[in-house]
Amino acid sequence: MALSDIEPVNRESTAAIIARQLRDAIMTGALQPGTQLGEAELAARFQVSRGPLREAMQRLVSEGLLRSERHRGLFVIDLEPGDVYDIYAARAAIERAAVMRIMRGDRDRAIAELDDALAAMVDAVNDADPNAVSETDLRFHEALVRASGSRRLVRMARTLLIETRMCLAALQRTDQPAEDRVDEHTNLLAAMRGGDEARVLELLDAHMEDALTRLAPGTSLHSGPAPTVPDDGVDIAG
């Protein structure tokens, strides 16, 4: 292949646009877990033929966001208790590593970034916008990992991005007041500002543990996932 044969990549295909919009709907909970996707309805909504729609949905199948059932069609994935455990166990490991790098590196720069992220979360709570609270919660943790300066940690965190968004969308439907979520992040940042690495790690573990037990009761980072119950996933649809 000659360089002249390479096609421009700045044009997003119809299938890519549809996949992005469906992905966003899954991440935010607009398409809830277990929802069946009907081709005819979606083709009419997007005003496209079934060809690019099928291509888009197959992309999401390959990403693990949709599951295919023989003779039934495509469904948004359900997160089982074991899935939620894996997500939070992985996040805890990544963010603990990030905290240790921050506390032994440029802590002031990291705190400045996290201050901005926390301020955005406070604004979202004051505006009574639950979707924005979840979004700013995610941005806080993204900033935490990014501030570590480790490209590998950032890359690993990104692989959990979509499933983390699904969990946070579900978390806003639990009985935890949004103000409590702000307090947890505020306390974590205060301990970081005070230079107490052990305390920061303790608060981070407690933060992850609280979210995990709300989303998957009976599951703990310390004792492992709850026993699997056939055909009874985590009700993250609320």
Protein backbone atom coordinates (compact mmCIF):
# COMPACT_ATOMS: atom_id res chain seq x y z
CA MET A 1 0.00 0.00 0.00
CA ALA A 2 1.26 3.44 -0.95
CA LEU A 3 0.83 6.46 1.32
CA SER A 4 -1.53 7.89 -1.27
CA ASP A 5 -3.88 4.94 -0.68
CA ILE A 6 -4.41 5.77 3.00
CA GLU A 7 -7.87 7.23 3.56
CA PRO A 8 -8.56 10.26 5.79
CA VAL A 9 -9.57 9.32 9.32
CA ASN A 10 -11.28 12.55 10.34
CA ARG A 11 -14.66 11.45 9.01
CA GLU A 12 -16.70 9.42 11.45
CA SER A 13 -18.74 6.72 9.73
CA THR A 14 -22.47 6.36 10.29
CA ALA A 15 -21.88 3.11 12.15
CA ALA A 16 -19.32 4.79 14.42
CA ILE A 17 -21.74 7.64 15.21
CA ILE A 18 -24.52 5.20 16.07
CA ALA A 19 -22.15 3.09 18.20
CA ARG A 20 -21.00 6.19 20.09
CA GLN A 21 -24.56 7.30 20.83
CA LEU A 22 -25.62 3.81 21.95
CA ARG A 23 -22.48 3.53 24.08
CA ASP A 24 -23.25 6.84 25.76
CA ALA A 25 -26.84 5.73 26.40
CA ILE A 26 -25.60 2.53 28.06
CA MET A 27 -23.00 4.37 30.13
CA THR A 28 -25.50 6.90 31.48
CA GLY A 29 -28.28 4.40 32.10
CA ALA A 30 -30.61 5.77 29.41
CA LEU A 31 -30.46 2.23 28.00
CA GLN A 32 -30.75 0.17 31.14
CA PRO A 33 -29.24 -3.28 31.76
CA GLY A 34 -31.30 -6.06 30.22
CA THR A 35 -32.92 -3.77 27.64
CA GLN A 36 -33.53 -5.49 24.32
CA LEU A 37 -32.48 -3.50 21.25
CA GLY A 38 -34.94 -3.75 18.37
CA GLU A 39 -33.47 -3.16 14.94
CA ALA A 40 -36.60 -1.70 13.37
CA GLU A 41 -37.19 0.77 16.19
CA LEU A 42 -33.57 1.91 16.33
CA ALA A 43 -33.26 2.19 12.55
CA ALA A 44 -36.32 4.46 12.54
CA ARG A 45 -34.99 6.51 15.45
CA PHE A 46 -31.58 7.02 13.84
CA GLN A 47 -33.16 7.32 10.36
CA VAL A 48 -30.66 4.89 8.87
CA SER A 49 -30.78 1.56 7.09
CA ARG A 50 -30.20 -1.63 9.05
CA GLY A 51 -26.71 -2.12 7.60
CA PRO A 52 -24.83 0.57 9.59
CA LEU A 53 -27.06 -0.11 12.61
CA ARG A 54 -26.07 -3.79 12.65
CA GLU A 55 -22.41 -2.82 12.26
CA ALA A 56 -22.71 -0.42 15.20
CA MET A 57 -24.36 -3.02 17.42
CA GLN A 58 -21.75 -5.62 16.55
CA ARG A 59 -19.09 -3.15 17.68
CA LEU A 60 -20.79 -2.96 21.05
CA VAL A 61 -21.04 -6.75 21.21
CA SER A 62 -17.28 -6.95 20.69
CA GLU A 63 -16.80 -4.33 23.43
CA GLY A 64 -18.87 -6.44 25.81
CA LEU A 65 -21.67 -3.88 26.22
CA LEU A 66 -24.26 -5.91 24.34
CA ARG A 67 -24.91 -9.64 24.54
CA SER A 68 -26.45 -11.76 21.83
CA GLU A 69 -29.08 -14.37 22.64
CA ARG A 70 -29.84 -16.98 20.01
CA HIS A 71 -33.27 -16.47 18.41
CA ARG A 72 -33.95 -13.51 20.71
CA GLY A 73 -31.64 -10.67 19.68
CA LEU A 74 -29.31 -8.22 21.40
CA PHE A 75 -29.54 -7.00 24.98
CA VAL A 76 -27.67 -4.48 27.11
CA ILE A 77 -25.44 -6.43 29.49
CA ASP A 78 -26.34 -7.00 33.12
CA LEU A 79 -23.60 -6.61 35.70
CA GLU A 80 -23.54 -9.60 38.04
CA PRO A 81 -22.24 -9.20 41.61
CA GLY A 82 -18.96 -10.77 40.51
CA ASP A 83 -18.65 -8.23 37.70
CA VAL A 84 -19.16 -5.31 40.08
CA TYR A 85 -16.62 -6.82 42.46
CA ASP A 86 -14.06 -7.14 39.65
CA ILE A 87 -14.62 -3.53 38.56
CA TYR A 88 -14.13 -2.11 42.04
CA ALA A 89 -11.25 -4.44 42.94
CA ALA A 90 -9.44 -3.36 39.76
CA ARG A 91 -10.21 0.30 40.38
CA ALA A 92 -8.99 0.05 43.96
CA ALA A 93 -5.70 -1.48 42.85
CA ILE A 94 -5.14 1.15 40.15
CA GLU A 95 -6.10 4.11 42.33
CA ARG A 96 -4.08 2.89 45.31
CA ALA A 97 -1.03 2.74 43.04
CA ALA A 98 -1.86 6.24 41.76
CA VAL A 99 -2.16 7.62 45.30
CA MET A 100 1.23 6.23 46.30
CA ARG A 101 2.86 7.84 43.27
CA ILE A 102 1.14 11.15 43.99
CA MET A 103 2.11 11.21 47.66
CA ARG A 104 5.73 10.61 46.76
CA GLY A 105 5.75 12.97 43.79
CA ASP A 106 4.24 16.33 42.81
CA ARG A 107 1.46 16.31 45.40
CA ASP A 108 0.67 20.03 45.10
CA ARG A 109 -0.07 19.78 41.38
CA ALA A 110 -2.28 16.74 41.95
CA ILE A 111 -4.19 18.51 44.73
CA ALA A 112 -4.81 21.51 42.47
CA GLU A 113 -6.33 19.23 39.80
CA LEU A 114 -8.44 17.38 42.33
CA ASP A 115 -9.63 20.65 43.89
CA ASP A 116 -11.06 21.63 40.51
CA ALA A 117 -12.72 18.23 40.10
CA LEU A 118 -14.23 18.42 43.58
CA ALA A 119 -15.54 21.95 42.95
CA ALA A 120 -17.33 20.66 39.84
CA MET A 121 -18.91 17.88 41.92
CA VAL A 122 -20.11 20.38 44.52
CA ASP A 123 -21.67 22.50 41.76
CA ALA A 124 -23.47 19.42 40.40
CA VAL A 125 -24.88 18.62 43.85
CA ASN A 126 -26.00 22.22 44.34
CA ASP A 127 -27.72 22.10 40.96
CA ALA A 128 -29.48 18.85 42.00
CA ASP A 129 -28.26 17.20 38.80
CA PRO A 130 -27.68 13.49 39.59
CA ASN A 131 -26.24 12.73 36.15
CA ALA A 132 -23.72 15.54 36.56
CA VAL A 133 -22.85 14.26 40.05
CA SER A 134 -21.96 10.86 38.60
CA GLU A 135 -20.04 12.47 35.75
CA THR A 136 -18.01 14.69 38.09
CA ASP A 137 -17.43 11.74 40.43
CA LEU A 138 -15.86 9.90 37.50
CA ARG A 139 -13.82 12.97 36.52
CA PHE A 140 -12.41 13.19 40.06
CA HIS A 141 -11.12 9.64 39.88
CA GLU A 142 -9.82 10.12 36.34
CA ALA A 143 -7.92 13.19 37.59
CA LEU A 144 -6.55 11.15 40.49
CA VAL A 145 -5.11 8.50 38.19
CA ARG A 146 -3.89 11.06 35.66
CA ALA A 147 -2.10 13.03 38.38
CA SER A 148 0.02 9.97 39.14
CA GLY A 149 1.93 10.62 35.93
CA SER A 150 1.75 6.93 35.01
CA ARG A 151 0.60 6.30 31.46
CA ARG A 152 0.08 2.63 32.25
CA LEU A 153 -2.24 3.36 35.15
CA VAL A 154 -4.19 5.82 33.00
CA ARG A 155 -4.46 3.23 30.23
CA MET A 156 -5.68 0.55 32.65
CA ALA A 157 -8.22 2.93 34.18
CA ARG A 158 -9.60 3.74 30.73
CA THR A 159 -10.36 0.07 30.09
CA LEU A 160 -12.79 0.25 33.03
CA LEU A 161 -14.34 3.54 31.94
CA ILE A 162 -17.63 2.34 30.47
CA GLU A 163 -18.38 -0.20 33.19
CA THR A 164 -17.45 2.37 35.84
CA ARG A 165 -19.94 4.81 34.30
CA MET A 166 -22.61 2.13 34.44
CA CYS A 167 -21.86 1.53 38.11
CA LEU A 168 -21.93 5.25 38.94
CA ALA A 169 -25.23 5.67 37.10
CA ALA A 170 -26.60 2.84 39.25
CA LEU A 171 -25.06 4.30 42.40
CA GLN A 172 -27.05 7.51 42.02
CA ARG A 173 -30.23 5.40 42.27
CA THR A 174 -29.25 4.01 45.69
CA ASP A 175 -30.16 5.66 48.98
CA GLN A 176 -26.80 7.42 49.35
CA PRO A 177 -27.27 11.22 49.49
CA ALA A 178 -25.18 13.05 46.91
CA GLU A 179 -23.76 15.18 49.72
CA ASP A 180 -22.24 12.05 51.26
CA ARG A 181 -20.40 11.33 48.03
CA VAL A 182 -18.99 14.86 48.13
CA ASP A 183 -17.93 14.39 51.75
CA GLU A 184 -16.06 11.18 50.92
CA HIS A 185 -14.07 12.93 48.20
CA THR A 186 -13.52 15.99 50.38
CA ASN A 187 -12.08 13.89 53.20
CA LEU A 188 -9.85 11.99 50.80
CA LEU A 189 -8.47 15.23 49.40
CA ALA A 190 -7.98 16.69 52.88
CA ALA A 191 -5.88 13.68 53.91
CA MET A 192 -3.84 14.04 50.74
CA ARG A 193 -3.29 17.72 51.48
CA GLY A 194 -2.15 16.76 55.00
CA GLY A 195 0.45 14.37 53.59
CA ASP A 196 -0.99 11.30 55.35
CA GLU A 197 -0.56 8.55 52.75
CA ALA A 198 -1.89 5.78 55.00
CA ARG A 199 -5.03 7.80 55.72
CA VAL A 200 -5.59 8.55 52.03
CA LEU A 201 -5.36 4.84 51.21
CA GLU A 202 -7.70 3.99 54.08
CA LEU A 203 -10.29 6.50 52.89
CA LEU A 204 -9.95 5.34 49.28
CA ASP A 205 -10.53 1.72 50.33
CA ALA A 206 -13.58 2.75 52.39
CA HIS A 207 -14.95 4.78 49.44
CA MET A 208 -14.65 1.80 47.08
CA GLU A 209 -16.04 -0.60 49.68
CA ASP A 210 -19.09 1.59 50.33
CA ALA A 211 -19.96 1.81 46.64
CA LEU A 212 -19.44 -1.92 46.15
CA THR A 213 -21.68 -2.94 49.03
CA ARG A 214 -24.44 -0.56 47.83
CA LEU A 215 -24.34 -1.99 44.32
CA ALA A 216 -23.81 -5.65 45.26
CA PRO A 217 -24.94 -6.32 48.85
CA GLY A 218 -23.05 -9.17 50.43
CA THR A 219 -19.96 -8.40 48.38
CA SER A 220 -16.77 -7.01 49.91
CA LEU A 221 -13.31 -6.12 48.66
CA HIS A 222 -11.97 -7.96 51.70
CA SER A 223 -13.97 -11.17 51.45
CA GLY A 224 -14.57 -11.39 47.71
CA PRO A 225 -17.70 -11.43 45.54
CA ALA A 226 -21.04 -12.67 46.78
CA PRO A 227 -22.02 -16.24 45.81
CA THR A 228 -23.32 -16.42 42.26
CA VAL A 229 -27.08 -16.87 41.96
CA PRO A 230 -28.16 -18.14 38.51
CA ASP A 231 -30.16 -15.66 36.42
CA ASP A 232 -30.17 -13.04 39.15
CA GLY A 233 -27.85 -10.19 38.23
CA VAL A 234 -27.28 -6.96 40.05
CA ASP A 235 -30.32 -4.75 39.61
CA ILE A 236 -28.47 -1.72 38.39
CA ALA A 237 -31.56 -0.68 36.45
CA GLY A 238 -33.06 0.62 39.72
